[in-house]
N, C-alpha and C. Protein backbone atom coordinates (compact mmCIF):
# COMPACT_ATOMS: atom_id res chain seq x y z
N MET A 1 17.59 111.93 75.57
CA MET A 1 18.78 111.80 76.33
C MET A 1 19.38 112.91 76.15
N ASN A 2 19.42 113.68 75.34
CA ASN A 2 20.07 115.36 75.71
C ASN A 2 20.30 115.46 76.93
N SER A 3 18.77 115.57 77.22
CA SER A 3 18.40 116.11 78.14
C SER A 3 19.69 115.63 79.68
N THR A 4 19.57 114.15 79.51
CA THR A 4 20.00 113.50 80.99
C THR A 4 21.28 113.79 80.52
N VAL A 5 22.38 113.76 79.52
CA VAL A 5 24.08 114.39 79.23
C VAL A 5 23.80 115.54 79.86
N ARG A 6 22.88 116.51 79.30
CA ARG A 6 23.17 118.04 80.05
C ARG A 6 23.28 117.68 81.27
N LEU A 7 22.17 117.15 81.67
CA LEU A 7 22.09 117.50 83.04
C LEU A 7 23.39 116.85 83.76
N THR A 8 24.00 115.66 83.54
CA THR A 8 24.82 115.24 84.14
C THR A 8 26.22 116.07 84.25
N LEU A 9 26.47 116.75 82.90
CA LEU A 9 27.53 117.37 82.74
C LEU A 9 27.36 118.81 83.63
N ILE A 10 26.17 119.19 83.48
CA ILE A 10 26.14 120.50 84.99
C ILE A 10 26.36 120.22 86.50
N SER A 11 25.55 119.19 86.74
CA SER A 11 25.84 118.25 87.81
C SER A 11 27.49 117.82 88.10
N LEU A 12 28.41 117.60 86.89
CA LEU A 12 29.70 117.48 87.43
C LEU A 12 30.17 118.86 87.45
N ALA A 13 30.08 119.65 86.57
CA ALA A 13 30.61 120.65 86.68
C ALA A 13 30.85 121.64 87.92
N LEU A 14 28.95 121.27 88.63
CA LEU A 14 29.01 121.95 89.26
C LEU A 14 29.46 121.84 90.81
N GLY A 15 29.55 120.40 90.52
CA GLY A 15 30.34 119.27 91.95
C GLY A 15 32.07 119.55 91.82
N LEU A 16 32.39 119.98 90.32
CA LEU A 16 34.28 119.88 91.00
C LEU A 16 34.44 121.68 91.15
N SER A 17 33.58 122.39 91.01
CA SER A 17 34.12 124.07 91.15
C SER A 17 34.31 123.93 92.24
N ALA A 18 32.71 123.17 93.09
CA ALA A 18 32.96 123.64 94.73
C ALA A 18 34.54 123.46 95.41
N CYS A 19 34.61 122.59 94.34
CA CYS A 19 36.46 122.04 94.50
C CYS A 19 37.23 123.00 94.67
N THR A 20 37.00 123.73 94.18
CA THR A 20 38.35 125.33 93.96
C THR A 20 37.76 126.16 94.16
N VAL A 21 36.84 126.10 94.97
CA VAL A 21 35.96 127.79 95.65
C VAL A 21 36.96 128.04 97.09
N GLN A 22 36.72 126.44 97.88
CA GLN A 22 36.99 126.68 99.19
C GLN A 22 38.73 126.91 99.75
N GLN A 23 38.92 127.70 100.08
CA GLN A 23 40.17 127.46 100.84
C GLN A 23 40.47 126.52 101.42
N PRO A 24 42.51 126.29 100.88
CA PRO A 24 42.91 125.40 102.18
C PRO A 24 43.26 125.70 103.10
N ARG A 25 42.92 124.43 103.65
CA ARG A 25 43.16 124.72 105.05
C ARG A 25 44.91 125.18 105.83
N GLU A 26 44.89 125.98 106.63
CA GLU A 26 46.60 126.24 106.99
C GLU A 26 46.99 124.82 107.78
N PRO A 27 47.73 124.93 107.96
CA PRO A 27 48.95 123.61 108.55
C PRO A 27 49.00 124.20 109.70
N GLU A 28 48.65 123.43 110.90
CA GLU A 28 49.29 124.24 112.09
C GLU A 28 50.26 124.12 111.83
N ARG A 29 51.17 124.52 112.92
CA ARG A 29 52.43 125.06 112.56
C ARG A 29 53.05 125.30 114.68
N GLU A 30 53.99 124.75 114.19
CA GLU A 30 54.28 124.84 116.22
C GLU A 30 55.05 126.40 115.85
N PRO A 31 55.56 126.55 117.34
CA PRO A 31 55.92 127.83 116.86
C PRO A 31 57.46 127.91 117.44
N LEU A 32 58.30 128.45 116.37
CA LEU A 32 59.75 128.99 116.00
C LEU A 32 60.65 128.84 117.51
N PRO A 33 61.44 128.43 117.78
CA PRO A 33 62.64 128.56 119.28
C PRO A 33 62.87 130.03 119.03
N PRO A 34 62.95 130.66 120.27
CA PRO A 34 63.85 131.62 120.26
C PRO A 34 65.36 132.26 119.52
N ILE A 35 64.99 133.07 118.62
CA ILE A 35 66.70 133.23 117.85
C ILE A 35 68.06 133.20 119.39
N GLU A 36 68.56 132.69 119.47
CA GLU A 36 69.49 133.47 120.28
C GLU A 36 70.87 133.89 119.96
N THR A 37 70.72 135.06 120.68
CA THR A 37 72.03 135.59 120.13
C THR A 37 73.31 135.74 120.72
N ALA A 38 74.33 135.08 120.26
CA ALA A 38 76.10 135.64 121.00
C ALA A 38 75.89 136.87 121.96
N PRO A 39 76.77 136.54 122.61
CA PRO A 39 77.43 137.33 123.68
C PRO A 39 78.06 138.25 123.15
N ARG A 40 78.14 139.31 123.23
CA ARG A 40 79.41 140.61 122.82
C ARG A 40 80.53 139.45 123.18
N PRO A 41 81.92 139.67 122.92
CA PRO A 41 82.76 139.31 123.40
C PRO A 41 83.74 141.11 124.12
N GLY A 42 84.01 140.19 125.14
CA GLY A 42 85.37 141.61 125.97
C GLY A 42 86.14 141.89 125.28
N PRO A 43 86.66 142.76 125.64
CA PRO A 43 88.61 143.35 125.60
C PRO A 43 88.88 142.18 125.03
N VAL A 44 90.13 142.34 124.15
CA VAL A 44 90.93 141.42 123.56
C VAL A 44 92.41 141.81 124.20
N ILE A 45 93.12 141.26 125.17
CA ILE A 45 94.27 141.01 126.07
C ILE A 45 95.08 140.45 125.53
N LYS A 46 95.67 141.17 124.87
CA LYS A 46 97.25 140.72 124.43
C LYS A 46 98.05 140.39 125.42
N PRO A 47 98.72 139.18 125.65
CA PRO A 47 99.97 138.74 125.81
C PRO A 47 101.37 139.89 126.13
N GLY A 48 101.76 140.26 127.05
CA GLY A 48 102.79 140.96 127.72
C GLY A 48 104.09 140.47 126.64
N PRO A 49 105.43 141.34 126.10
CA PRO A 49 106.91 139.99 125.99
C PRO A 49 106.80 139.77 127.03
N GLY A 50 107.66 138.75 126.44
CA GLY A 50 107.96 137.74 127.58
C GLY A 50 106.83 136.43 128.16
N THR A 51 106.08 136.60 127.80
CA THR A 51 104.57 135.77 128.65
C THR A 51 104.18 134.46 128.02
N PRO A 52 104.82 133.05 127.94
CA PRO A 52 104.90 132.01 127.36
C PRO A 52 103.79 131.64 127.02
N LYS A 53 103.55 131.32 125.31
CA LYS A 53 102.23 131.26 125.12
C LYS A 53 101.53 129.37 125.56
N PRO A 54 100.38 129.15 125.41
CA PRO A 54 100.37 127.68 125.72
C PRO A 54 100.47 127.01 124.38
N SER A 55 101.08 125.99 125.14
CA SER A 55 101.46 125.19 123.29
C SER A 55 100.18 123.87 123.67
N VAL A 56 99.68 123.95 122.13
CA VAL A 56 99.10 123.26 121.89
C VAL A 56 99.31 122.22 120.80
N THR A 57 99.52 120.35 121.52
CA THR A 57 99.55 119.34 120.09
C THR A 57 98.54 119.13 119.81
N PRO A 58 98.19 118.71 118.53
CA PRO A 58 97.23 118.13 117.54
C PRO A 58 97.10 116.96 118.00
N THR A 59 95.50 116.98 118.54
CA THR A 59 95.30 115.38 118.47
C THR A 59 95.88 114.67 117.42
N PRO A 60 96.24 113.51 116.92
CA PRO A 60 96.77 112.92 116.01
C PRO A 60 95.07 112.25 115.63
N LYS A 61 94.88 112.13 114.80
CA LYS A 61 93.53 111.42 113.84
C LYS A 61 93.01 110.03 113.83
N PRO A 62 92.69 109.31 114.36
CA PRO A 62 92.72 108.13 114.11
C PRO A 62 92.09 107.27 113.11
N MET A 63 92.94 106.34 112.98
CA MET A 63 93.37 105.31 111.89
C MET A 63 92.21 104.58 111.47
N PRO A 64 91.72 105.22 110.07
CA PRO A 64 90.60 104.69 110.28
C PRO A 64 90.63 102.72 110.09
N ARG A 65 89.47 102.59 110.54
CA ARG A 65 89.06 101.32 110.23
C ARG A 65 88.42 100.21 109.29
N THR A 66 88.36 100.75 108.27
CA THR A 66 87.57 100.60 106.73
C THR A 66 88.03 102.01 105.31
N SER A 67 88.04 101.10 104.47
CA SER A 67 88.57 102.29 103.27
C SER A 67 86.73 102.67 103.23
N ALA A 68 86.86 103.45 102.50
CA ALA A 68 85.42 104.17 101.48
C ALA A 68 85.42 103.46 100.09
N SER A 69 86.99 102.59 99.36
CA SER A 69 86.93 102.85 97.89
C SER A 69 86.50 100.39 97.82
N PHE A 70 87.07 100.22 99.53
CA PHE A 70 87.01 98.96 98.97
C PHE A 70 86.85 98.25 100.05
N ALA A 71 86.12 97.01 100.49
CA ALA A 71 85.95 95.99 101.07
C ALA A 71 86.38 95.64 102.35
N PRO A 72 85.91 95.26 103.02
CA PRO A 72 87.00 94.85 104.29
C PRO A 72 87.38 93.06 104.23
N PRO A 73 88.01 92.64 104.41
CA PRO A 73 88.19 90.59 104.07
C PRO A 73 86.53 90.08 105.24
N PRO A 74 86.60 89.07 104.31
CA PRO A 74 84.91 88.51 104.81
C PRO A 74 85.33 87.81 106.50
N GLY A 75 85.59 87.75 107.42
CA GLY A 75 84.90 87.16 108.60
C GLY A 75 86.82 87.21 108.88
N GLY A 76 87.60 87.86 108.77
CA GLY A 76 88.33 88.16 109.84
C GLY A 76 88.60 89.90 110.36
N ALA A 77 89.75 89.72 111.59
CA ALA A 77 89.16 91.01 112.32
C ALA A 77 91.07 91.96 111.60
N SER A 78 90.52 93.23 110.77
CA SER A 78 91.95 93.61 110.23
C SER A 78 91.57 95.43 110.62
N HIS A 79 92.47 96.31 110.27
CA HIS A 79 91.90 97.13 110.00
C HIS A 79 92.82 98.18 108.06
N TRP A 80 91.77 98.62 107.99
CA TRP A 80 92.65 99.70 107.00
C TRP A 80 93.90 100.53 106.93
N ASP A 81 94.55 100.35 106.03
CA ASP A 81 95.80 100.98 106.43
C ASP A 81 96.36 102.15 105.50
N PRO A 82 95.79 103.10 105.35
CA PRO A 82 95.93 104.47 104.16
C PRO A 82 97.05 104.29 103.51
N LYS A 83 98.63 104.06 104.07
CA LYS A 83 99.82 104.44 103.61
C LYS A 83 99.68 102.54 102.54
N LEU A 84 99.33 102.28 102.77
CA LEU A 84 99.86 100.51 101.76
C LEU A 84 98.54 100.71 100.91
N GLY A 85 97.30 101.03 100.93
CA GLY A 85 96.00 100.74 100.18
C GLY A 85 95.64 99.41 100.89
N VAL A 86 95.64 99.24 101.98
CA VAL A 86 95.34 97.54 101.74
C VAL A 86 94.25 97.49 103.04
N TYR A 87 94.31 96.56 103.92
CA TYR A 87 93.04 95.77 105.01
C TYR A 87 94.85 95.30 105.49
N VAL A 88 94.75 95.53 106.54
CA VAL A 88 96.00 94.62 107.41
C VAL A 88 95.39 93.17 108.09
N LEU A 89 95.82 92.34 107.87
CA LEU A 89 94.90 91.45 109.28
C LEU A 89 95.49 91.59 110.53
N GLU A 90 94.57 90.96 111.33
CA GLU A 90 94.87 90.78 112.44
C GLU A 90 95.13 89.72 113.09
N GLY A 91 96.77 89.47 113.74
CA GLY A 91 96.28 87.88 114.34
C GLY A 91 97.83 86.78 112.94
N LYS A 92 98.13 88.06 111.76
CA LYS A 92 98.48 87.27 110.33
C LYS A 92 99.38 88.17 110.26
N THR A 93 101.19 87.46 110.50
CA THR A 93 101.67 88.67 110.30
C THR A 93 102.54 88.28 108.71
N ASN A 94 101.90 90.03 108.76
CA ASN A 94 102.28 90.33 106.97
C ASN A 94 101.56 89.62 105.87
N THR A 95 100.29 90.13 106.40
CA THR A 95 99.10 89.05 105.61
C THR A 95 97.99 90.54 105.85
N PHE A 96 97.60 90.86 104.12
CA PHE A 96 96.82 92.15 103.26
C PHE A 96 95.71 91.37 103.04
N TYR A 97 95.06 92.31 102.65
CA TYR A 97 93.55 92.11 101.87
C TYR A 97 93.61 93.05 101.25
N ARG A 98 93.00 92.97 100.24
CA ARG A 98 92.26 94.24 98.87
C ARG A 98 92.10 93.52 97.55
N GLN A 99 90.34 93.55 97.23
CA GLN A 99 89.70 93.26 96.49
C GLN A 99 89.11 91.33 96.41
N ARG A 100 88.75 91.00 97.45
CA ARG A 100 89.26 89.26 96.65
C ARG A 100 90.57 88.92 96.75
N THR A 101 91.36 89.34 97.45
CA THR A 101 93.16 88.78 97.65
C THR A 101 93.46 88.87 98.89
N TYR A 102 94.17 88.33 99.17
CA TYR A 102 94.99 88.16 100.45
C TYR A 102 96.21 88.17 99.68
N TYR A 103 97.63 89.12 100.01
CA TYR A 103 98.87 89.35 100.16
C TYR A 103 99.58 88.89 100.98
N ARG A 104 100.98 88.18 101.02
CA ARG A 104 101.06 87.71 101.93
C ARG A 104 103.30 87.54 101.94
N TRP A 105 103.79 88.39 103.05
CA TRP A 105 105.59 89.05 102.30
C TRP A 105 106.28 88.10 103.89
N ASN A 106 107.08 86.34 102.57
CA ASN A 106 107.86 86.07 103.03
C ASN A 106 108.97 85.86 103.19
N ASN A 107 109.78 86.53 102.84
CA ASN A 107 111.14 86.67 101.82
C ASN A 107 110.62 86.82 100.96
N GLY A 108 109.21 87.58 100.04
CA GLY A 108 108.76 87.38 99.10
C GLY A 108 107.14 87.67 99.00
N TRP A 109 106.39 87.76 97.76
CA TRP A 109 105.23 88.02 97.92
C TRP A 109 104.89 86.84 97.19
N SER A 110 103.74 86.77 97.85
CA SER A 110 103.03 85.39 97.57
C SER A 110 101.35 86.14 97.43
N TRP A 111 100.14 85.26 96.86
CA TRP A 111 98.67 86.18 96.86
C TRP A 111 98.02 84.72 96.97
N ALA A 112 96.64 84.57 97.15
CA ALA A 112 96.21 83.89 97.52
C ALA A 112 94.51 84.12 97.40
N THR A 113 93.81 83.45 97.14
CA THR A 113 92.49 83.72 97.70
C THR A 113 91.60 83.86 99.02
N ASN A 114 92.20 82.75 99.28
CA ASN A 114 91.42 82.13 101.22
C ASN A 114 93.31 82.84 101.97
N PRO A 115 92.53 82.86 103.45
CA PRO A 115 94.02 83.11 104.19
C PRO A 115 94.49 82.07 104.55
N GLU A 116 93.96 81.18 104.50
CA GLU A 116 95.04 79.46 104.18
C GLU A 116 96.16 79.63 103.52
N GLY A 117 95.58 79.18 101.94
CA GLY A 117 96.21 79.44 100.60
C GLY A 117 95.35 78.54 99.77
N PRO A 118 95.47 78.57 98.93
CA PRO A 118 97.15 77.75 98.76
C PRO A 118 97.42 78.90 98.30
N TRP A 119 98.82 79.12 98.20
CA TRP A 119 99.66 80.61 97.55
C TRP A 119 101.02 80.60 97.00
N GLN A 120 100.26 81.46 95.69
CA GLN A 120 101.09 81.42 94.32
C GLN A 120 102.03 82.67 94.95
N ASP A 121 103.46 82.19 94.22
CA ASP A 121 103.99 83.16 94.44
C ASP A 121 104.25 84.21 93.10
N THR A 122 104.74 85.72 93.81
CA THR A 122 105.08 86.88 92.89
C THR A 122 106.41 87.81 92.46
N ASP A 123 106.09 88.52 92.27
CA ASP A 123 107.04 89.58 92.49
C ASP A 123 105.90 90.58 93.18
N SER A 124 106.89 92.23 92.96
CA SER A 124 106.25 93.50 94.19
C SER A 124 105.07 93.64 92.68
N SER A 125 105.68 93.33 91.39
CA SER A 125 104.70 94.06 90.29
C SER A 125 102.81 93.49 90.53
N GLY A 126 103.02 92.23 91.81
CA GLY A 126 101.62 91.64 91.79
C GLY A 126 101.12 92.28 92.73
N VAL A 127 101.40 93.26 93.13
CA VAL A 127 100.95 93.45 94.86
C VAL A 127 100.57 94.79 94.47
N PRO A 128 99.61 95.06 94.89
CA PRO A 128 99.08 96.86 95.60
C PRO A 128 100.37 97.36 95.62
N GLY A 129 100.56 98.45 94.93
CA GLY A 129 101.23 99.57 94.97
C GLY A 129 101.99 99.94 95.89
N GLY A 130 101.08 100.35 97.47
CA GLY A 130 101.67 100.55 98.64
C GLY A 130 102.51 99.55 99.35
N LEU A 131 101.71 98.45 99.31
CA LEU A 131 102.58 97.28 99.71
C LEU A 131 104.52 97.22 98.89
N GLY A 132 104.10 97.06 97.58
CA GLY A 132 106.10 96.68 96.76
C GLY A 132 106.57 98.04 97.25
N ARG A 133 106.38 99.12 97.64
CA ARG A 133 106.47 99.95 98.01
C ARG A 133 107.33 100.41 99.22
N ALA A 134 106.33 99.64 100.48
CA ALA A 134 106.81 99.34 101.92
C ALA A 134 107.81 98.26 101.69
N PHE A 135 107.90 97.44 101.36
CA PHE A 135 108.66 95.98 101.09
C PHE A 135 109.51 95.85 100.63
N ALA A 136 109.72 97.12 99.29
CA ALA A 136 111.43 97.43 98.66
C ALA A 136 112.61 96.90 98.83
N GLN A 137 113.17 95.79 98.53
CA GLN A 137 114.68 95.79 98.79
C GLN A 137 115.21 96.92 98.74
């Protein structure tokens, strides 16, 4: 029995040693694209005195449609107002949304969990800070 075990161990060692002797194949590589060099700049021409400078008007950034922190209202057209810190519902005057709560200004604040109500009265401390400041009396 010892000879069978010994023969098995020798066969196993020889079989595994064949794996370590072979060199790994080099992966096929695609040729790299040529390195582009930037063209050399020409001489710098400075405008003389009295030459009008071209006016550059900055392009205003578009308002973000969504917030990075708050999810938009379900099923309604809206846009994020970063100054107010809420979503402004389109098609509903002075109606806003943030964190599963709708807020409405109608000569005073009210809130609801549904845009159709029922609305409950609150004061400016019950609305997000940006709204309270924007509609302060």
